[in-house]
Amino acid sequence: MPCSGERCRRVWWSAAAAVVAFFFVFVAAAAAAATASMYDDVEVVWGGDHSFFFMDGDGDALALCLDETHGSGFRSRDAYLYARFDVDMMLVANNSAGTVTTLYLMPDDVPWEYHDEVDLEFLGNVTGEPYTLHTNIFANGVGGREQQFRLWFDPTADFHTYSIVWNPKHIIILVDGVPIRDYRNTAARGGPAFPTWQKMRAHGSLWNADDWATQGGRVKTDWSEAPFFAYYRGLRVTPCAPSPGVAWCGDEPPESPWFDQQETDAAALSKARREHLLYDYCEDTKRFKDTGLPVECTIN
């Protein structure tokens, strides 16, 4: 069944009535604190016929839809050089094999060979099997810095908060406030390039990647289960504000409070990685047997 036009809305309303009810409760209980509107803060950039805002157009959430024809995606209306990005997401339920739901940062109009990017990709799975959170970081067109995690909850049953903190010192990825990855800027110590000059927007998307997403591509998307839906709400962006006397955040001194963030709590980070890390490129000696581990792995 396709997810375009009115059919998309009818399928969604019948399949997700509980979600709608949840949102009415949420809005009633937290209207005073609601400061983020998806409708105001993002724009759909592809698959407009496979996405819609709800409830009743007041912008509290955005649904993305995927069927055999295509998926959909959005981006923040503004671009930022250093910021914290938080968004609540609820992923594709039931048999999500082959699907990928994303949250990522990317600049506008930068050639691929020079672009920066911070990726969170949620790889679907067959019913009853857990999602994999696949992360990667590109700087000056170079990626290959994959780390994968197993989430410690069902990301399809409710909304959870996913965050990216990006400043000149490091990139931190958090799940429900728990740090799971801290990628540090080691360029001054002989490490690789770090995203420091390209303003980036927050993006989200839902698309088909059954050639690789689930069990290395062995499990394909079951289109009889379509349409698939993922939900986003409350994009919150906290831009870097330069300290008094500092022209821009790239010139912040090392002792700046912008760098002194609770998210880097070493014990919490270590615990999350010990319990939920599936793959770390910095530990893949087989992959790098001819070249040795990337230099940032040895520096960190």
Protein backbone atom coordinates (compact mmCIF):
# COMPACT_ATOMS: atom_id res chain seq x y z
CA MET A 1 0.00 0.00 0.00
CA PRO A 2 1.52 3.40 -0.92
CA CYS A 3 1.74 6.23 1.61
CA SER A 4 0.94 9.22 -0.56
CA GLY A 5 -1.85 11.73 -0.19
CA GLU A 6 -5.02 10.90 1.71
CA ARG A 7 -4.24 7.19 1.83
CA CYS A 8 -1.11 8.02 3.78
CA ARG A 9 -3.17 9.94 6.31
CA ARG A 10 -5.89 7.30 6.58
CA VAL A 11 -3.35 4.53 7.20
CA TRP A 12 -1.52 6.63 9.72
CA TRP A 13 -4.65 7.56 11.66
CA SER A 14 -5.82 3.95 11.86
CA ALA A 15 -2.38 2.57 12.78
CA ALA A 16 -1.30 5.28 15.20
CA ALA A 17 -4.39 6.46 17.06
CA ALA A 18 -2.56 5.85 20.30
CA VAL A 19 0.20 8.19 19.19
CA VAL A 20 -2.31 10.93 18.48
CA ALA A 21 -3.92 10.47 21.88
CA PHE A 22 -0.48 10.65 23.44
CA PHE A 23 0.18 13.96 21.75
CA PHE A 24 -3.07 15.50 22.94
CA VAL A 25 -2.10 14.57 26.48
CA PHE A 26 1.41 15.89 25.92
CA VAL A 27 0.21 19.23 24.58
CA ALA A 28 -2.36 19.66 27.33
CA ALA A 29 0.18 18.87 30.04
CA ALA A 30 3.15 20.76 28.67
CA ALA A 31 1.78 23.61 26.59
CA ALA A 32 3.42 26.16 28.84
CA ALA A 33 6.80 24.56 28.32
CA ALA A 34 6.42 23.86 24.60
CA THR A 35 8.94 26.12 22.91
CA ALA A 36 9.89 24.01 19.90
CA SER A 37 7.62 23.64 16.88
CA MET A 38 8.57 21.26 14.10
CA TYR A 39 6.30 23.17 11.72
CA ASP A 40 8.16 26.43 12.42
CA ASP A 41 11.67 25.05 12.75
CA VAL A 42 12.03 22.56 9.86
CA GLU A 43 11.21 22.26 6.18
CA VAL A 44 10.48 19.09 4.22
CA VAL A 45 13.05 18.88 1.43
CA TRP A 46 12.07 15.65 -0.31
CA GLY A 47 9.12 13.29 -0.28
CA GLY A 48 6.62 16.01 0.53
CA ASP A 49 3.77 13.66 -0.36
CA HIS A 50 5.20 11.13 2.13
CA SER A 51 5.31 13.40 5.18
CA PHE A 52 2.94 15.52 7.22
CA PHE A 53 2.81 17.64 10.32
CA PHE A 54 0.32 16.95 13.09
CA MET A 55 -1.69 17.57 15.26
CA ASP A 56 -4.03 19.63 13.11
CA GLY A 57 -1.12 21.63 11.72
CA ASP A 58 0.02 23.09 15.06
CA GLY A 59 3.53 21.79 14.47
CA ASP A 60 4.11 19.55 17.46
CA ALA A 61 5.36 16.62 15.41
CA LEU A 62 6.30 15.47 11.93
CA ALA A 63 5.58 12.04 10.46
CA LEU A 64 7.81 10.63 7.71
CA CYS A 65 6.53 7.80 5.56
CA LEU A 66 8.23 5.16 3.40
CA ASP A 67 6.71 2.89 0.78
CA GLU A 68 8.01 1.16 -2.34
CA THR A 69 8.17 4.43 -4.27
CA HIS A 70 10.26 6.55 -1.89
CA GLY A 71 10.67 7.94 1.60
CA SER A 72 10.93 11.50 2.86
CA GLY A 73 13.23 13.91 4.66
CA PHE A 74 13.47 17.31 6.30
CA ARG A 75 16.07 19.82 7.46
CA SER A 76 16.22 22.66 9.96
CA ARG A 77 15.42 26.06 8.53
CA ASP A 78 18.64 27.50 9.95
CA ALA A 79 22.28 26.40 9.72
CA TYR A 80 24.72 26.66 12.62
CA LEU A 81 28.43 26.70 13.30
CA TYR A 82 28.64 24.84 16.63
CA ALA A 83 25.49 24.05 18.56
CA ARG A 84 23.65 21.43 20.56
CA PHE A 85 20.84 19.67 18.70
CA ASP A 86 18.14 17.68 20.53
CA VAL A 87 15.13 15.99 18.94
CA ASP A 88 12.59 13.42 20.10
CA MET A 89 12.08 10.45 17.78
CA MET A 90 9.91 7.34 17.64
CA LEU A 91 11.13 4.77 15.12
CA VAL A 92 9.42 2.41 12.68
CA ALA A 93 7.58 -0.30 14.60
CA ASN A 94 7.27 -4.04 14.04
CA ASN A 95 9.13 -5.43 11.00
CA SER A 96 11.40 -2.50 10.13
CA ALA A 97 14.04 -4.58 8.31
CA GLY A 98 15.66 -2.68 5.46
CA THR A 99 14.51 0.73 6.65
CA VAL A 100 16.81 3.48 7.94
CA THR A 101 15.63 6.40 10.06
CA THR A 102 18.17 9.19 10.44
CA LEU A 103 19.24 12.27 12.32
CA TYR A 104 22.31 13.99 10.94
CA LEU A 105 24.15 17.28 10.48
CA MET A 106 25.24 18.40 7.01
CA PRO A 107 26.19 21.68 5.31
CA ASP A 108 24.60 23.20 2.23
CA ASP A 109 26.21 23.22 -1.21
CA VAL A 110 29.60 21.83 -0.21
CA PRO A 111 31.17 19.33 -2.66
CA TRP A 112 31.01 15.79 -1.33
CA GLU A 113 34.79 15.44 -1.29
CA TYR A 114 35.05 18.38 1.14
CA HIS A 115 31.88 18.10 3.20
CA ASP A 116 31.51 17.60 6.95
CA GLU A 117 28.78 15.41 8.44
CA VAL A 118 27.66 13.86 11.72
CA ASP A 119 25.42 10.79 11.26
CA LEU A 120 22.98 8.90 13.44
CA GLU A 121 21.35 6.12 11.43
CA PHE A 122 18.85 3.78 13.05
CA LEU A 123 18.98 0.46 11.23
CA GLY A 124 15.70 -1.43 11.22
CA ASN A 125 15.36 -5.11 12.00
CA VAL A 126 12.89 -7.97 11.85
CA THR A 127 10.13 -8.03 14.45
CA GLY A 128 11.44 -8.77 17.90
CA GLU A 129 15.07 -7.99 17.12
CA PRO A 130 16.69 -4.76 18.38
CA TYR A 131 17.59 -1.70 16.36
CA THR A 132 21.23 -0.81 15.72
CA LEU A 133 22.29 2.84 16.05
CA HIS A 134 25.01 3.42 13.45
CA THR A 135 27.10 6.59 13.91
CA ASN A 136 29.73 8.13 11.67
CA ILE A 137 31.62 11.42 11.42
CA PHE A 138 32.93 13.03 8.23
CA ALA A 139 35.44 15.88 8.09
CA ASN A 140 36.69 17.40 4.85
CA GLY A 141 35.04 14.57 2.91
CA VAL A 142 36.61 11.75 4.91
CA GLY A 143 34.43 9.40 6.97
CA GLY A 144 34.95 5.78 7.88
CA ARG A 145 34.66 6.54 11.61
CA GLU A 146 31.82 4.15 12.35
CA GLN A 147 30.65 3.17 15.79
CA GLN A 148 27.51 1.11 16.40
CA PHE A 149 25.37 0.69 19.49
CA ARG A 150 22.41 -1.36 20.66
CA LEU A 151 19.73 0.76 22.29
CA TRP A 152 18.70 -0.34 25.78
CA PHE A 153 14.98 0.27 25.23
CA ASP A 154 12.33 -0.20 22.55
CA PRO A 155 12.67 2.94 20.38
CA THR A 156 9.34 2.22 18.67
CA ALA A 157 7.15 2.23 21.78
CA ASP A 158 7.62 5.87 22.79
CA PHE A 159 9.60 9.00 22.03
CA HIS A 160 13.23 9.19 23.12
CA THR A 161 15.64 12.11 22.90
CA TYR A 162 18.70 11.94 20.64
CA SER A 163 21.30 14.69 20.86
CA ILE A 164 24.40 15.95 19.08
CA VAL A 165 26.72 18.40 20.83
CA TRP A 166 29.18 19.99 18.40
CA ASN A 167 31.84 22.49 19.37
CA PRO A 168 35.47 23.13 18.35
CA LYS A 169 36.72 20.65 20.94
CA HIS A 170 34.55 17.58 20.38
CA ILE A 171 31.37 16.01 19.04
CA ILE A 172 29.25 14.21 21.62
CA ILE A 173 26.32 11.92 20.84
CA LEU A 174 23.76 11.29 23.57
CA VAL A 175 20.67 9.11 23.96
CA ASP A 176 18.16 10.27 26.57
CA GLY A 177 20.93 12.38 28.05
CA VAL A 178 23.39 9.49 28.27
CA PRO A 179 26.65 10.08 26.37
CA ILE A 180 27.55 7.17 24.11
CA ARG A 181 30.23 8.71 21.91
CA ASP A 182 32.78 11.51 22.33
CA TYR A 183 34.78 12.24 19.16
CA ARG A 184 37.53 14.73 19.96
CA ASN A 185 39.32 17.27 17.83
CA THR A 186 42.89 15.98 17.63
CA ALA A 187 44.01 18.06 14.63
CA ALA A 188 46.43 20.13 16.71
CA ARG A 189 48.09 16.90 17.88
CA GLY A 190 48.57 15.42 14.42
CA GLY A 191 45.08 13.99 14.05
CA PRO A 192 42.71 14.31 11.08
CA ALA A 193 40.63 17.29 10.07
CA PHE A 194 37.70 18.19 12.32
CA PRO A 195 34.43 19.95 11.39
CA THR A 196 35.31 23.55 12.21
CA TRP A 197 34.21 25.85 9.40
CA GLN A 198 31.08 24.60 7.63
CA LYS A 199 27.75 25.69 9.02
CA MET A 200 25.47 22.66 9.21
CA ARG A 201 21.74 22.02 9.38
CA ALA A 202 19.99 19.25 11.27
CA HIS A 203 18.38 16.72 8.93
CA GLY A 204 16.07 13.75 9.39
CA SER A 205 14.91 11.12 6.92
CA LEU A 206 13.29 7.74 6.44
CA TRP A 207 14.45 5.69 3.47
CA ASN A 208 15.04 2.18 2.15
CA ALA A 209 18.55 0.71 2.44
CA ASP A 210 17.89 -3.00 2.31
CA ASP A 211 21.06 -3.58 0.32
CA TRP A 212 23.05 -3.12 3.57
CA ALA A 213 21.00 -1.97 6.56
CA THR A 214 19.78 -5.21 8.14
CA GLN A 215 22.20 -8.05 8.81
CA GLY A 216 24.51 -6.80 6.08
CA GLY A 217 21.73 -6.73 3.49
CA ARG A 218 20.72 -10.36 3.96
CA VAL A 219 17.25 -9.36 5.16
CA LYS A 220 15.27 -7.25 2.70
CA THR A 221 12.40 -4.84 3.22
CA ASP A 222 9.03 -6.58 3.37
CA TRP A 223 6.90 -4.22 1.33
CA SER A 224 3.74 -6.05 2.35
CA GLU A 225 4.27 -4.34 5.73
CA ALA A 226 4.37 -0.87 4.17
CA PRO A 227 3.76 1.96 4.68
CA PHE A 228 6.38 2.54 7.38
CA PHE A 229 6.31 5.60 9.66
CA ALA A 230 8.85 7.40 11.84
CA TYR A 231 7.99 10.39 14.02
CA TYR A 232 9.94 13.47 15.09
CA ARG A 233 9.01 16.18 17.55
CA GLY A 234 10.52 19.17 19.31
CA LEU A 235 13.77 20.00 17.53
CA ARG A 236 15.72 22.14 20.00
CA VAL A 237 18.88 23.90 18.89
CA THR A 238 21.15 25.69 21.34
CA PRO A 239 23.72 27.66 19.30
CA CYS A 240 27.15 28.44 20.62
CA ALA A 241 27.20 31.97 22.02
CA PRO A 242 30.71 33.52 22.08
CA SER A 243 32.01 34.71 25.42
CA PRO A 244 32.36 38.47 25.97
CA GLY A 245 35.25 39.79 23.93
CA VAL A 246 35.39 36.69 21.68
CA ALA A 247 34.47 37.27 18.04
CA TRP A 248 33.11 33.79 17.31
CA CYS A 249 32.93 30.37 18.92
CA GLY A 250 35.93 29.09 16.98
CA ASP A 251 38.09 31.48 19.01
CA GLU A 252 36.83 30.40 22.41
CA PRO A 253 39.73 29.80 24.83
CA PRO A 254 40.30 26.23 26.08
CA GLU A 255 38.88 27.12 29.51
CA SER A 256 35.60 28.32 28.00
CA PRO A 257 32.48 27.01 29.77
CA TRP A 258 31.20 26.04 26.32
CA PHE A 259 33.70 23.16 26.48
CA ASP A 260 33.05 22.26 30.11
CA GLN A 261 29.91 20.20 29.63
CA GLN A 262 28.37 17.56 31.85
CA GLU A 263 27.80 15.37 28.80
CA THR A 264 31.45 14.34 28.88
CA ASP A 265 31.04 12.57 32.23
CA ALA A 266 33.66 9.87 31.86
CA ALA A 267 31.96 7.31 34.07
CA ALA A 268 28.61 7.56 32.26
CA LEU A 269 30.31 7.40 28.88
CA SER A 270 32.41 4.41 29.86
CA LYS A 271 29.39 2.54 31.26
CA ALA A 272 27.28 3.16 28.16
CA ARG A 273 30.05 2.00 25.85
CA ARG A 274 30.85 -1.05 27.94
CA GLU A 275 27.23 -2.19 27.93
CA HIS A 276 25.95 -1.10 24.51
CA LEU A 277 28.82 -0.71 22.03
CA LEU A 278 28.65 -3.20 19.16
CA TYR A 279 31.39 -1.97 16.84
CA ASP A 280 34.20 0.58 17.04
CA TYR A 281 36.41 1.30 14.04
CA CYS A 282 39.21 2.10 16.45
CA GLU A 283 39.21 -1.55 17.57
CA ASP A 284 38.98 -3.08 14.08
CA THR A 285 42.56 -4.24 13.61
CA LYS A 286 41.52 -6.57 10.79
CA ARG A 287 40.08 -3.71 8.76
CA PHE A 288 43.23 -1.62 9.22
CA LYS A 289 45.78 -4.45 9.21
CA ASP A 290 47.74 -2.91 6.32
CA THR A 291 47.68 0.72 7.42
CA GLY A 292 47.38 0.54 11.18
CA LEU A 293 44.58 2.13 13.17
CA PRO A 294 43.64 5.70 12.26
CA VAL A 295 45.81 8.21 14.04
CA GLU A 296 42.96 9.68 16.11
CA CYS A 297 42.41 6.25 17.66
CA THR A 298 45.92 6.14 19.08
CA ILE A 299 45.81 9.80 20.19
CA ASN A 300 42.54 9.34 22.05
